[in-house]
């Protein structure tokens, strides 16, 4: 039986994991949660980046940093913003800055099958 390489992580991240091992875990968490929040904002907006459509709900408006304290240390996430401010990602609970909120959000994303590779409606 031949080995099949079906890893979807970029080569740069795999190299960092190989070099740093578990010390790279906070950065991996930051990358995954940021990607999930970005995909969630895109679903909320109803259009792809730079796409024009009458179904657009709002407009993307950059990112805001938020630091969460975890057992692995402090992790700073980039919270996607929208112009009207009616959007807040489910990956992080508003106001909480602890690992409990992050753990619950990651578990919920797993249960719902959230993936950064899913196509948007």
N, C-alpha and C. Protein backbone atom coordinates (compact mmCIF):
# COMPACT_ATOMS: atom_id res chain seq x y z
N UNK A 1 0.84 -1.17 0.00
CA UNK A 1 0.00 0.00 0.00
C UNK A 1 0.89 1.24 0.00
N UNK A 2 0.59 2.18 -0.84
CA UNK A 2 1.41 3.39 -0.94
C UNK A 2 0.88 4.47 -0.01
N UNK A 3 1.77 5.30 0.44
CA UNK A 3 1.43 6.40 1.33
C UNK A 3 0.82 7.53 0.51
N UNK A 4 -0.33 8.02 0.95
CA UNK A 4 -0.98 9.13 0.27
C UNK A 4 -0.89 10.37 1.15
N UNK A 5 -0.35 11.43 0.59
CA UNK A 5 -0.21 12.69 1.30
C UNK A 5 -1.46 13.52 1.06
N UNK A 6 -2.35 13.57 2.06
CA UNK A 6 -3.57 14.35 1.89
C UNK A 6 -3.67 15.45 2.94
N UNK A 7 -2.56 16.00 3.34
CA UNK A 7 -2.51 17.10 4.30
C UNK A 7 -2.81 18.40 3.56
N UNK A 8 -3.69 19.21 4.12
CA UNK A 8 -4.08 20.46 3.46
C UNK A 8 -3.37 21.68 4.03
N UNK A 9 -2.47 21.47 4.99
CA UNK A 9 -1.74 22.60 5.56
C UNK A 9 -0.68 23.08 4.58
N UNK A 10 -0.50 24.39 4.50
CA UNK A 10 0.55 24.93 3.62
C UNK A 10 1.93 24.43 4.06
N UNK A 11 2.84 24.33 3.12
CA UNK A 11 4.18 23.81 3.37
C UNK A 11 4.91 24.63 4.43
N UNK A 12 4.71 25.96 4.43
CA UNK A 12 5.38 26.83 5.40
C UNK A 12 4.98 26.48 6.83
N UNK A 13 3.70 26.19 7.05
CA UNK A 13 3.22 25.85 8.39
C UNK A 13 3.77 24.49 8.82
N UNK A 14 3.80 23.53 7.90
CA UNK A 14 4.35 22.22 8.22
C UNK A 14 5.83 22.33 8.60
N UNK A 15 6.56 23.19 7.91
CA UNK A 15 7.97 23.39 8.25
C UNK A 15 8.13 24.00 9.64
N UNK A 16 7.26 24.96 9.98
CA UNK A 16 7.31 25.58 11.31
C UNK A 16 7.00 24.56 12.40
N UNK A 17 6.03 23.68 12.15
CA UNK A 17 5.69 22.64 13.13
C UNK A 17 6.87 21.70 13.31
N UNK A 18 7.50 21.32 12.21
CA UNK A 18 8.65 20.42 12.29
C UNK A 18 9.81 21.05 13.07
N UNK A 19 10.02 22.36 12.89
CA UNK A 19 11.12 23.04 13.58
C UNK A 19 10.80 23.31 15.06
N UNK A 20 9.58 23.81 15.34
CA UNK A 20 9.26 24.29 16.68
C UNK A 20 8.45 23.31 17.52
N UNK A 21 7.85 22.32 16.90
CA UNK A 21 7.04 21.34 17.63
C UNK A 21 5.86 21.99 18.33
N UNK A 22 5.63 21.63 19.59
CA UNK A 22 4.48 22.14 20.32
C UNK A 22 4.57 23.63 20.64
N UNK A 23 5.76 24.21 20.54
CA UNK A 23 5.89 25.65 20.76
C UNK A 23 5.16 26.45 19.69
N UNK A 24 4.87 25.83 18.56
CA UNK A 24 4.17 26.50 17.46
C UNK A 24 2.65 26.42 17.62
N UNK A 25 2.16 25.70 18.63
CA UNK A 25 0.73 25.49 18.82
C UNK A 25 -0.07 26.79 18.96
N UNK A 26 0.37 27.78 19.75
CA UNK A 26 -0.41 29.02 19.82
C UNK A 26 -0.57 29.71 18.47
N UNK A 27 0.48 29.69 17.67
CA UNK A 27 0.40 30.31 16.34
C UNK A 27 -0.56 29.54 15.43
N UNK A 28 -0.56 28.21 15.53
CA UNK A 28 -1.49 27.40 14.74
C UNK A 28 -2.93 27.71 15.13
N UNK A 29 -3.19 27.84 16.43
CA UNK A 29 -4.54 28.18 16.89
C UNK A 29 -4.94 29.54 16.34
N UNK A 30 -4.03 30.49 16.38
CA UNK A 30 -4.32 31.83 15.87
C UNK A 30 -4.66 31.79 14.38
N UNK A 31 -3.89 31.03 13.61
CA UNK A 31 -4.11 30.94 12.16
C UNK A 31 -5.47 30.30 11.86
N UNK A 32 -5.80 29.20 12.53
CA UNK A 32 -7.06 28.49 12.28
C UNK A 32 -8.26 29.34 12.68
N UNK A 33 -8.23 29.94 13.86
CA UNK A 33 -9.36 30.75 14.32
C UNK A 33 -9.53 31.99 13.45
N UNK A 34 -8.43 32.64 13.07
CA UNK A 34 -8.53 33.80 12.18
C UNK A 34 -9.15 33.42 10.84
N UNK A 35 -8.75 32.28 10.28
CA UNK A 35 -9.31 31.83 9.00
C UNK A 35 -10.80 31.52 9.14
N UNK A 36 -11.20 30.89 10.26
CA UNK A 36 -12.62 30.58 10.48
C UNK A 36 -13.43 31.85 10.62
N UNK A 37 -12.91 32.84 11.35
CA UNK A 37 -13.65 34.10 11.53
C UNK A 37 -13.76 34.86 10.21
N UNK A 38 -12.72 34.82 9.40
CA UNK A 38 -12.75 35.48 8.09
C UNK A 38 -13.81 34.82 7.19
N UNK A 39 -13.86 33.48 7.20
CA UNK A 39 -14.87 32.77 6.41
C UNK A 39 -16.28 33.06 6.92
N UNK A 40 -16.42 33.18 8.24
CA UNK A 40 -17.73 33.49 8.82
C UNK A 40 -18.19 34.89 8.40
N UNK A 41 -17.28 35.86 8.39
CA UNK A 41 -17.64 37.21 7.94
C UNK A 41 -18.04 37.18 6.47
N UNK A 42 -17.34 36.41 5.67
CA UNK A 42 -17.68 36.33 4.25
C UNK A 42 -19.08 35.75 4.06
N UNK A 43 -19.42 34.72 4.85
CA UNK A 43 -20.79 34.15 4.78
C UNK A 43 -21.81 35.19 5.21
N UNK A 44 -21.49 35.95 6.25
CA UNK A 44 -22.40 36.99 6.75
C UNK A 44 -22.64 38.06 5.67
N UNK A 45 -21.58 38.47 4.99
CA UNK A 45 -21.71 39.50 3.96
C UNK A 45 -22.49 39.00 2.75
N UNK A 46 -22.39 37.71 2.47
CA UNK A 46 -23.14 37.13 1.35
C UNK A 46 -22.46 37.24 0.00
N UNK A 47 -21.23 37.73 -0.03
CA UNK A 47 -20.48 37.84 -1.28
C UNK A 47 -19.00 37.54 -1.02
N UNK A 48 -18.30 37.20 -2.09
CA UNK A 48 -16.86 36.98 -2.01
C UNK A 48 -16.15 38.34 -1.95
N UNK A 49 -14.91 38.38 -1.52
CA UNK A 49 -14.18 39.65 -1.50
C UNK A 49 -14.16 40.30 -2.88
N UNK A 50 -14.38 41.60 -2.92
CA UNK A 50 -14.38 42.43 -4.12
C UNK A 50 -15.52 42.10 -5.08
N UNK A 51 -16.47 41.28 -4.67
CA UNK A 51 -17.61 40.94 -5.52
C UNK A 51 -18.73 41.95 -5.30
N UNK A 52 -19.38 42.33 -6.37
CA UNK A 52 -20.51 43.25 -6.28
C UNK A 52 -21.79 42.46 -6.48
N UNK A 53 -22.77 42.71 -5.61
CA UNK A 53 -24.03 41.98 -5.70
C UNK A 53 -25.10 42.74 -4.93
N UNK A 54 -26.34 42.60 -5.35
CA UNK A 54 -27.46 43.22 -4.64
C UNK A 54 -27.76 42.50 -3.33
N UNK A 55 -27.27 41.26 -3.19
CA UNK A 55 -27.50 40.48 -1.97
C UNK A 55 -26.52 40.83 -0.84
N UNK A 56 -25.57 41.70 -1.10
CA UNK A 56 -24.57 42.08 -0.09
C UNK A 56 -25.28 42.69 1.12
N UNK A 57 -24.95 42.16 2.34
CA UNK A 57 -25.58 42.64 3.57
C UNK A 57 -24.87 43.83 4.19
N UNK A 58 -23.57 43.92 3.96
CA UNK A 58 -22.75 44.96 4.60
C UNK A 58 -21.42 44.98 3.86
N UNK A 59 -20.48 45.75 4.37
CA UNK A 59 -19.15 45.82 3.77
C UNK A 59 -18.08 45.50 4.81
N UNK A 60 -17.06 44.77 4.38
CA UNK A 60 -15.94 44.45 5.27
C UNK A 60 -15.22 45.74 5.63
N UNK A 61 -14.71 45.79 6.86
CA UNK A 61 -14.08 47.03 7.32
C UNK A 61 -12.84 46.73 8.16
N UNK A 62 -11.96 45.87 7.67
CA UNK A 62 -10.70 45.61 8.34
C UNK A 62 -10.80 44.65 9.52
N UNK A 63 -9.82 44.75 10.42
CA UNK A 63 -9.70 43.82 11.54
C UNK A 63 -9.36 44.61 12.81
N UNK A 64 -9.75 44.05 13.93
CA UNK A 64 -9.46 44.64 15.23
C UNK A 64 -8.78 43.57 16.08
N UNK A 65 -7.64 43.88 16.71
CA UNK A 65 -6.95 42.86 17.52
C UNK A 65 -7.67 42.58 18.83
N UNK A 66 -7.64 41.33 19.26
CA UNK A 66 -8.18 40.93 20.56
C UNK A 66 -7.26 39.86 21.13
N UNK A 67 -6.80 40.10 22.35
CA UNK A 67 -5.89 39.17 23.01
C UNK A 67 -6.66 38.30 23.99
N UNK A 68 -6.41 36.98 23.90
CA UNK A 68 -7.06 36.01 24.78
C UNK A 68 -5.98 35.29 25.57
N UNK A 69 -6.16 35.20 26.90
CA UNK A 69 -5.21 34.49 27.76
C UNK A 69 -5.54 33.00 27.76
N UNK A 70 -4.55 32.17 27.46
CA UNK A 70 -4.72 30.72 27.45
C UNK A 70 -3.59 30.09 28.25
N UNK A 71 -3.67 28.78 28.45
CA UNK A 71 -2.58 28.05 29.11
C UNK A 71 -1.30 28.09 28.29
N UNK A 72 -1.44 28.31 27.00
CA UNK A 72 -0.28 28.37 26.11
C UNK A 72 0.32 29.77 26.04
N UNK A 73 -0.29 30.71 26.73
CA UNK A 73 0.14 32.10 26.68
C UNK A 73 -0.93 32.96 26.04
N UNK A 74 -0.62 34.21 25.85
CA UNK A 74 -1.58 35.12 25.23
C UNK A 74 -1.55 34.95 23.72
N UNK A 75 -2.74 34.89 23.13
CA UNK A 75 -2.87 34.78 21.68
C UNK A 75 -3.67 35.98 21.21
N UNK A 76 -3.15 36.71 20.23
CA UNK A 76 -3.85 37.87 19.69
C UNK A 76 -4.49 37.49 18.37
N UNK A 77 -5.82 37.60 18.33
CA UNK A 77 -6.59 37.27 17.13
C UNK A 77 -6.94 38.56 16.39
N UNK A 78 -7.18 38.43 15.09
CA UNK A 78 -7.64 39.55 14.26
C UNK A 78 -9.14 39.39 14.04
N UNK A 79 -9.94 40.17 14.76
CA UNK A 79 -11.39 40.07 14.67
C UNK A 79 -11.87 40.83 13.43
N UNK A 80 -12.52 40.14 12.48
CA UNK A 80 -13.02 40.82 11.28
C UNK A 80 -14.13 41.82 11.66
N UNK A 81 -14.09 42.99 11.05
CA UNK A 81 -15.08 44.02 11.31
C UNK A 81 -15.92 44.26 10.05
N UNK A 82 -17.12 44.77 10.26
CA UNK A 82 -17.97 45.22 9.17
C UNK A 82 -18.36 46.67 9.46
N UNK A 83 -18.81 47.39 8.44
CA UNK A 83 -19.06 48.82 8.61
C UNK A 83 -20.19 49.13 9.59
N UNK A 84 -21.30 48.41 9.50
CA UNK A 84 -22.43 48.71 10.38
C UNK A 84 -22.24 48.15 11.78
N UNK A 85 -21.29 47.25 11.98
CA UNK A 85 -20.99 46.74 13.31
C UNK A 85 -21.97 45.74 13.86
N UNK A 86 -22.81 45.14 13.04
CA UNK A 86 -23.80 44.17 13.52
C UNK A 86 -23.26 42.74 13.51
N UNK A 87 -22.01 42.57 13.17
CA UNK A 87 -21.40 41.23 13.06
C UNK A 87 -20.35 41.06 14.14
N UNK A 88 -20.37 39.89 14.80
CA UNK A 88 -19.28 39.49 15.68
C UNK A 88 -19.13 37.98 15.53
N UNK A 89 -17.91 37.49 15.25
CA UNK A 89 -17.72 36.07 14.98
C UNK A 89 -18.08 35.18 16.17
N UNK A 90 -18.65 34.02 15.87
CA UNK A 90 -19.02 33.06 16.90
C UNK A 90 -17.80 32.37 17.50
N UNK A 91 -16.66 32.45 16.82
CA UNK A 91 -15.45 31.78 17.30
C UNK A 91 -14.98 32.35 18.64
N UNK A 92 -15.28 33.60 18.90
CA UNK A 92 -14.91 34.23 20.17
C UNK A 92 -16.13 34.90 20.76
N UNK A 93 -16.35 34.68 22.04
CA UNK A 93 -17.48 35.33 22.70
C UNK A 93 -17.11 36.77 22.99
N UNK A 94 -18.03 37.66 22.72
CA UNK A 94 -17.79 39.08 22.95
C UNK A 94 -17.57 39.34 24.43
N UNK A 95 -16.52 40.06 24.75
CA UNK A 95 -16.26 40.45 26.12
C UNK A 95 -15.37 39.49 26.90
N UNK A 96 -15.39 38.20 26.58
CA UNK A 96 -14.56 37.25 27.32
C UNK A 96 -13.15 37.20 26.73
N UNK A 97 -12.18 37.14 27.59
CA UNK A 97 -10.79 37.12 27.15
C UNK A 97 -10.04 35.96 27.78
N UNK A 98 -10.72 34.81 27.89
CA UNK A 98 -10.09 33.67 28.54
C UNK A 98 -10.13 32.45 27.63
N UNK A 99 -9.42 31.43 28.05
CA UNK A 99 -9.35 30.18 27.29
C UNK A 99 -10.70 29.47 27.25
N UNK A 100 -11.52 29.65 28.28
CA UNK A 100 -12.83 28.99 28.32
C UNK A 100 -13.66 29.37 27.09
N UNK A 101 -13.67 30.64 26.75
CA UNK A 101 -14.43 31.09 25.59
C UNK A 101 -13.86 30.49 24.30
N UNK A 102 -12.55 30.46 24.20
CA UNK A 102 -11.91 29.91 23.00
C UNK A 102 -12.18 28.41 22.88
N UNK A 103 -12.09 27.67 23.99
CA UNK A 103 -12.33 26.23 23.99
C UNK A 103 -13.76 25.93 23.55
N UNK A 104 -14.70 26.66 24.09
CA UNK A 104 -16.11 26.45 23.72
C UNK A 104 -16.35 26.78 22.25
N UNK A 105 -15.73 27.83 21.77
CA UNK A 105 -15.91 28.21 20.37
C UNK A 105 -15.31 27.17 19.43
N UNK A 106 -14.11 26.67 19.75
CA UNK A 106 -13.50 25.64 18.91
C UNK A 106 -14.32 24.36 18.90
N UNK A 107 -14.87 23.98 20.06
CA UNK A 107 -15.72 22.79 20.13
C UNK A 107 -16.97 22.98 19.28
N UNK A 108 -17.56 24.16 19.35
CA UNK A 108 -18.77 24.45 18.56
C UNK A 108 -18.46 24.42 17.06
N UNK A 109 -17.30 24.97 16.66
CA UNK A 109 -16.93 24.94 15.25
C UNK A 109 -16.75 23.50 14.78
N UNK A 110 -16.18 22.65 15.63
CA UNK A 110 -15.98 21.25 15.28
C UNK A 110 -17.32 20.54 15.11
N UNK A 111 -18.24 20.78 16.04
CA UNK A 111 -19.55 20.14 15.99
C UNK A 111 -20.31 20.56 14.73
N UNK A 112 -20.20 21.83 14.37
CA UNK A 112 -20.91 22.34 13.18
C UNK A 112 -20.19 22.00 11.89
N UNK A 113 -18.99 21.46 11.99
CA UNK A 113 -18.25 21.09 10.78
C UNK A 113 -17.63 22.27 10.08
N UNK A 114 -17.31 23.33 10.81
CA UNK A 114 -16.71 24.52 10.21
C UNK A 114 -15.38 24.16 9.59
N UNK A 115 -15.17 24.61 8.37
CA UNK A 115 -13.93 24.35 7.67
C UNK A 115 -13.58 25.57 6.85
N UNK A 116 -12.31 25.89 6.78
CA UNK A 116 -11.89 27.02 5.93
C UNK A 116 -11.89 26.61 4.46
N UNK A 117 -12.11 25.33 4.17
CA UNK A 117 -12.12 24.87 2.78
C UNK A 117 -13.52 24.74 2.24
N UNK A 118 -14.55 24.96 3.07
CA UNK A 118 -15.92 24.85 2.59
C UNK A 118 -16.21 25.99 1.62
N UNK A 119 -16.97 25.70 0.58
CA UNK A 119 -17.35 26.76 -0.34
C UNK A 119 -18.50 27.54 0.28
N UNK A 120 -18.55 28.80 -0.05
CA UNK A 120 -19.58 29.67 0.49
C UNK A 120 -20.83 29.60 -0.39
N UNK A 121 -22.01 29.78 0.22
CA UNK A 121 -23.24 29.71 -0.58
C UNK A 121 -23.34 30.82 -1.58
